Protein backbone atom coordinates (compact mmCIF):
# COMPACT_ATOMS: atom_id res chain seq x y z
CA MET A 1 70.09 113.22 245.98
CA LYS A 2 67.33 115.91 245.86
CA THR A 3 65.61 116.86 248.99
CA SER A 4 61.62 118.11 249.80
CA THR A 5 59.82 119.38 252.42
CA GLU A 6 55.82 119.31 253.02
CA ILE A 7 54.22 123.19 253.01
CA ASN A 8 51.81 123.19 256.08
CA SER A 9 53.93 123.58 258.74
CA ALA A 10 54.64 127.13 256.91
CA ALA A 11 51.72 127.88 255.30
CA LYS A 12 50.21 127.97 258.87
CA LEU A 13 52.85 131.08 259.22
CA ILE A 14 52.64 132.24 256.32
CA GLY A 15 50.62 131.51 254.49
CA GLU A 16 51.07 129.18 250.86
CA GLU A 17 52.52 130.89 248.66
CA LYS A 18 55.20 132.34 250.80
CA ALA A 19 56.02 129.15 251.83
CA VAL A 20 56.86 127.38 248.34
CA GLU A 21 59.18 131.10 247.69
CA TYR A 22 60.98 129.99 251.28
CA ILE A 23 61.03 126.88 250.68
CA ALA A 24 63.22 127.42 247.32
CA LYS A 25 65.16 130.64 248.63
CA ALA A 26 66.02 127.70 251.90
CA GLY A 27 67.95 125.56 248.78
CA PHE A 28 65.37 122.31 248.57
CA ASP A 29 64.73 121.28 244.90
CA ALA A 30 60.73 120.57 245.73
CA TRP A 31 57.95 121.04 247.77
CA ASP A 32 55.17 118.39 249.20
CA PHE A 33 52.08 119.76 248.74
CA SER A 34 50.11 119.95 252.17
CA MET A 35 45.75 119.55 251.26
CA PHE A 36 44.89 119.43 254.80
CA ALA A 37 43.58 122.83 254.39
CA MET A 38 40.95 121.09 252.11
CA CYS A 39 39.43 119.31 254.98
CA ARG A 40 39.16 120.91 258.41
CA TYR A 41 38.33 118.29 260.54
CA ASP A 42 37.49 118.18 264.30
CA TRP A 43 38.77 115.53 266.16
CA ALA A 44 36.31 115.79 268.53
CA THR A 45 32.83 115.59 266.32
CA ARG A 46 34.31 113.64 264.01
CA GLY A 47 33.09 115.89 260.86
CA LEU A 48 34.62 118.57 258.68
CA LEU A 49 34.06 122.52 260.32
CA PRO A 50 33.18 125.07 257.92
CA ASN A 51 35.76 125.87 255.90
CA SER A 52 37.21 128.94 253.09
CA HIS A 53 40.56 128.07 252.36
CA PRO A 54 40.90 127.96 247.95
CA LEU A 55 41.27 124.33 247.80
CA ALA A 56 38.07 123.17 250.07
CA GLY A 57 36.00 125.89 246.84
CA ASN A 58 35.81 126.16 243.37
CA GLU A 59 39.20 127.30 242.27
CA TYR A 60 41.39 124.67 244.11
CA LEU A 61 42.70 123.88 240.39
CA GLN A 62 43.65 127.69 240.36
CA PHE A 63 45.11 127.45 243.59
CA ALA A 64 47.67 124.51 242.82
CA ARG A 65 48.15 125.71 239.48
CA ARG A 66 49.57 128.73 240.89
CA LEU A 67 51.36 127.04 243.45
CA LYS A 68 53.27 124.94 241.17
CA GLN A 69 54.07 128.32 238.63
CA ILE A 70 55.44 130.15 242.27
CA GLY A 71 57.84 127.09 242.91
CA LEU A 72 58.75 126.85 238.64
CA ASP A 73 59.83 131.52 239.12
CA ASN A 74 61.68 130.21 242.39
CA GLY A 75 63.27 126.93 240.74
CA ILE A 76 61.78 124.12 242.37
CA VAL A 77 59.19 121.30 240.98
CA CYS A 78 56.44 119.80 243.57
CA ASN A 79 57.62 116.41 244.09
CA GLN A 80 54.55 115.08 246.38
CA SER A 81 51.13 115.34 247.83
CA HIS A 82 49.81 115.06 250.68
CA ALA A 83 45.51 114.46 250.48
CA PRO A 84 42.95 115.09 253.87
CA PHE A 85 43.04 112.36 256.35
CA PRO A 86 41.47 110.88 258.94
CA THR A 87 40.14 108.35 255.42
CA TYR A 88 37.29 106.42 257.46
CA CYS A 89 35.99 109.47 257.65
CA PRO A 90 33.32 109.61 254.88
CA GLU A 91 32.83 113.61 254.26
CA ILE A 92 36.80 113.16 253.60
CA ARG A 93 36.53 110.65 251.66
CA SER A 94 34.83 112.42 248.70
CA TYR A 95 38.00 114.77 248.92
CA LEU A 96 40.29 112.66 247.61
CA LYS A 97 40.02 112.34 244.04
CA ARG A 98 40.15 116.00 244.19
CA ALA A 99 43.56 115.91 246.36
CA ILE A 100 44.44 113.61 243.09
CA GLU A 101 43.17 116.09 240.70
CA CYS A 102 45.35 118.76 242.93
CA THR A 103 48.56 116.71 242.99
CA ALA A 104 48.16 116.58 238.89
CA GLU A 105 48.13 120.66 238.41
CA ALA A 106 50.83 120.71 240.37
CA GLY A 107 53.04 118.61 239.00
CA GLY A 108 53.27 115.88 241.74
CA GLN A 109 53.93 112.35 241.08
CA ILE A 110 52.52 110.58 243.80
CA CYS A 111 49.43 111.32 245.99
CA ILE A 112 49.59 109.59 249.95
CA ILE A 113 46.66 108.78 251.33
CA HIS A 114 46.76 107.52 254.06
CA PRO A 115 44.98 103.59 254.84
CA ASP A 116 42.33 103.46 257.57
CA ASN A 117 44.41 102.69 260.56
CA TYR A 118 41.66 100.18 262.13
CA LYS A 119 41.34 98.10 258.48
CA THR A 120 43.20 95.82 256.86
CA ALA A 121 45.22 95.54 253.60
CA GLU A 122 42.58 93.90 252.16
CA GLU A 123 39.74 96.20 253.23
CA ASN A 124 41.26 99.73 253.00
CA ALA A 125 42.50 97.85 249.26
CA GLU A 126 38.40 98.92 248.88
CA MET A 127 39.21 102.70 248.88
CA TYR A 128 42.33 102.51 247.03
CA ALA A 129 40.67 100.48 243.69
CA GLU A 130 38.11 103.16 243.60
CA LEU A 131 41.03 105.87 243.37
CA LEU A 132 43.38 104.19 241.00
CA PRO A 133 41.93 104.54 237.83
CA PHE A 134 41.63 108.00 238.42
CA ALA A 135 44.56 108.59 239.42
CA LYS A 136 46.30 106.53 236.54
CA SER A 137 43.94 108.79 234.32
CA CYS A 138 45.81 111.81 236.23
CA GLY A 139 49.42 110.65 235.77
CA VAL A 140 49.99 110.36 239.82
CA LYS A 141 50.66 107.56 241.54
CA ILE A 142 48.83 106.03 245.24
CA ALA A 143 51.37 106.03 248.33
CA THR A 144 50.00 104.45 251.64
CA GLU A 145 51.63 105.37 254.84
CA ASN A 146 52.40 103.51 257.93
CA MET A 147 50.21 104.21 260.56
CA TRP A 148 50.04 103.53 264.31
CA ASN A 149 47.34 103.92 267.28
CA TRP A 150 47.47 104.98 270.66
CA ASN A 151 47.64 102.42 274.39
CA ASN A 152 46.17 104.02 276.70
CA GLU A 153 47.12 101.82 279.37
CA THR A 154 50.99 100.70 278.25
CA LYS A 155 51.21 105.00 276.88
CA GLN A 156 53.10 104.03 273.76
CA ALA A 157 52.61 102.97 270.19
CA ALA A 158 50.07 99.80 268.47
CA PRO A 159 50.40 98.69 265.91
CA ALA A 160 47.74 99.73 262.66
CA ALA A 161 47.23 99.35 259.41
CA CYS A 162 50.94 99.11 257.70
CA SER A 163 52.63 99.57 261.02
CA SER A 164 54.60 96.41 259.93
CA PRO A 165 56.76 95.47 257.44
CA GLU A 166 53.90 92.50 256.42
CA SER A 167 51.23 94.51 256.58
CA PHE A 168 52.38 97.77 254.50
CA CYS A 169 53.53 95.07 251.56
CA ALA A 170 50.03 93.95 251.64
CA HIS A 171 48.73 96.82 251.15
CA VAL A 172 50.78 98.18 248.63
CA ASP A 173 50.38 94.19 246.45
CA ALA A 174 46.61 94.27 247.16
CA LEU A 175 45.63 95.78 243.96
CA GLY A 176 49.18 94.41 241.87
CA ASP A 177 49.29 97.47 239.96
CA GLU A 178 52.71 99.24 239.69
CA TYR A 179 50.28 103.22 240.18
CA MET A 180 50.07 102.03 244.25
CA VAL A 181 53.50 102.41 246.29
CA ALA A 182 54.83 103.32 249.79
CA CYS A 183 55.94 106.18 251.98
CA LEU A 184 57.78 105.35 254.57
CA ASP A 185 57.29 107.09 257.40
CA ILE A 186 60.30 107.29 259.50
CA GLY A 187 59.17 108.36 262.45
CA HIS A 188 56.44 106.10 262.40
CA ALA A 189 58.52 102.87 262.28
CA GLU A 190 60.62 103.65 264.99
CA MET A 191 58.12 104.45 268.05
CA LYS A 192 58.15 102.05 270.48
CA GLY A 193 54.87 99.80 270.30
CA VAL A 194 54.65 98.85 266.23
CA ASP A 195 58.03 96.40 266.84
CA THR A 196 60.23 97.03 264.19
CA SER A 197 62.74 99.87 262.25
CA ALA A 198 62.77 102.10 258.98
CA VAL A 199 65.94 99.41 258.39
CA GLU A 200 63.43 96.96 258.90
CA MET A 201 60.61 98.10 256.75
CA ILE A 202 63.32 99.97 253.86
CA ARG A 203 64.39 96.56 253.60
CA ALA A 204 61.39 94.81 253.36
CA LEU A 205 59.44 96.98 250.77
CA GLY A 206 62.20 97.72 248.52
CA HIS A 207 61.43 98.63 245.11
CA ARG A 208 57.73 99.25 246.67
CA LEU A 209 59.09 102.17 248.80
CA GLN A 210 58.74 105.49 246.37
CA ALA A 211 58.19 108.19 249.24
CA LEU A 212 59.48 109.60 252.48
CA HIS A 213 58.30 111.28 255.55
CA ILE A 214 61.41 112.21 256.98
CA HIS A 215 61.39 113.40 260.99
CA ASP A 216 63.08 112.30 263.98
CA ASN A 217 61.69 111.64 267.21
CA ASP A 218 62.96 109.94 270.83
CA LYS A 219 60.92 106.58 269.30
CA HIS A 220 58.38 106.80 271.61
CA HIS A 221 55.99 109.72 270.42
CA ASP A 222 55.29 111.21 266.99
CA SER A 223 57.75 114.58 267.19
CA HIS A 224 58.06 114.55 263.91
CA GLN A 225 61.17 116.99 264.01
CA ILE A 226 64.26 118.33 262.32
CA PRO A 227 66.36 115.31 261.49
CA PHE A 228 69.55 114.83 263.85
CA SER A 229 67.45 116.71 266.70
CA MET A 230 66.15 113.50 268.98
CA GLN A 231 67.47 109.65 268.72
CA ILE A 232 66.99 108.08 265.44
CA ASP A 233 70.12 106.66 263.71
CA PHE A 234 69.74 108.39 260.33
CA GLU A 235 72.81 107.07 259.71
CA GLN A 236 71.63 103.79 259.60
CA VAL A 237 68.32 104.30 257.42
CA VAL A 238 70.55 105.82 255.15
CA ASP A 239 72.49 103.17 254.41
CA ALA A 240 69.41 101.16 254.25
CA LEU A 241 68.39 103.12 251.59
CA ARG A 242 71.25 103.06 249.35
CA GLU A 243 71.18 99.46 249.81
CA ILE A 244 67.62 98.48 248.35
CA GLY A 245 68.74 101.47 245.23
CA TYR A 246 66.06 103.96 246.95
CA GLY A 247 65.62 106.67 243.82
CA GLY A 248 62.26 109.08 245.50
CA TYR A 249 63.00 111.92 246.60
CA PHE A 250 64.01 112.81 250.78
CA THR A 251 61.39 114.80 251.79
CA LEU A 252 60.97 116.37 255.40
CA GLU A 253 57.54 116.14 257.69
CA CYS A 254 59.79 117.99 260.54
CA ASP A 255 56.00 120.03 261.00
CA THR A 256 56.14 119.96 264.68
CA TYR A 257 59.24 121.74 264.40
CA LEU A 258 58.38 125.43 262.71
CA HIS A 259 55.50 125.17 265.94
CA ALA A 260 58.86 127.06 267.71
CA TYR A 261 58.75 130.25 265.02
CA SER A 262 56.32 132.85 263.72
CA ALA A 263 56.24 134.67 260.28
CA GLU A 264 58.82 136.95 261.16
CA ASN A 265 61.66 134.15 261.49
CA ALA A 266 60.09 131.73 259.39
CA PHE A 267 62.55 131.66 257.24
CA ASP A 268 65.40 130.60 259.43
CA GLY A 269 63.32 127.58 260.77
CA ILE A 270 63.30 126.47 256.91
CA GLN A 271 66.61 127.20 256.01
CA LYS A 272 67.52 124.99 258.86
CA LEU A 273 65.50 122.03 257.75
CA ALA A 274 66.77 122.55 254.43
CA ASP A 275 70.31 122.07 255.84
CA SER A 276 69.45 118.79 257.44
CA ALA A 277 67.88 117.65 254.13
CA ARG A 278 71.53 118.28 253.01
CA THR A 279 72.95 116.33 255.17
CA LEU A 280 70.73 113.46 254.23
CA ALA A 281 71.16 113.16 250.68
CA ASN A 282 75.34 113.66 251.46
CA MET A 283 75.35 110.86 253.64
CA PHE A 284 73.18 108.85 251.07
CA GLU A 285 75.65 110.27 247.87
CA ARG A 286 78.61 109.58 249.60
CA GLN A 287 81.00 106.29 248.34
């Protein structure tokens, strides 16, 4: 079982280039291309902010190519990516093909594109159907992801697109295409209020499940913490993944975890993430 992690949290401390290098040196097998810097979204105004990041400019492919080469020079590959969100924002929707293109340029096989939290499988299928021919031409699969909303009255998560096994399977199956797959966010599935679990999701998704976002939480908040630090039972999660014959990467998305680190000690944090990912991989591989 190969391991990977997102680069966004490390990039905030040391930049994307150094993040890929450190991820390799820490012992990961791959890196997950976070492309949130492609669009600077303002949640207050629901619009995009001015942005000078290379992914937002004309040299976005050169930037993706440079990260790929840094990875290869250090012995790792890009396994998957994460497109900008929220996808209900029209300006962000206009960048999704660019995200797919960057995924292909970096060597990634899957691009995770969030569904619109508030739409049905049939409604979200319109967005994915528009993107799928381009993704196939790039040799990149699209993965939808289980989401959550928040209920201010109950102070807990509420159902959203793909948050139930039925909704998740319906989103993947709506287009009937092998290039449309599932990325299960383990933490999202364990939040109180969505009325499911990671194990239930894994068993329901079966062959549809080809990518993961792994992190820990208190089963209430979307904590995005390092595995084995909070309340998720990863023994059960790994057993279920083995049960369905999961063949993808173990990809961490513990982006909040690195908030406690600085540029000076970022490698220490990344090393701890790599150790936790290898522990999960060893659990999966044992007989």
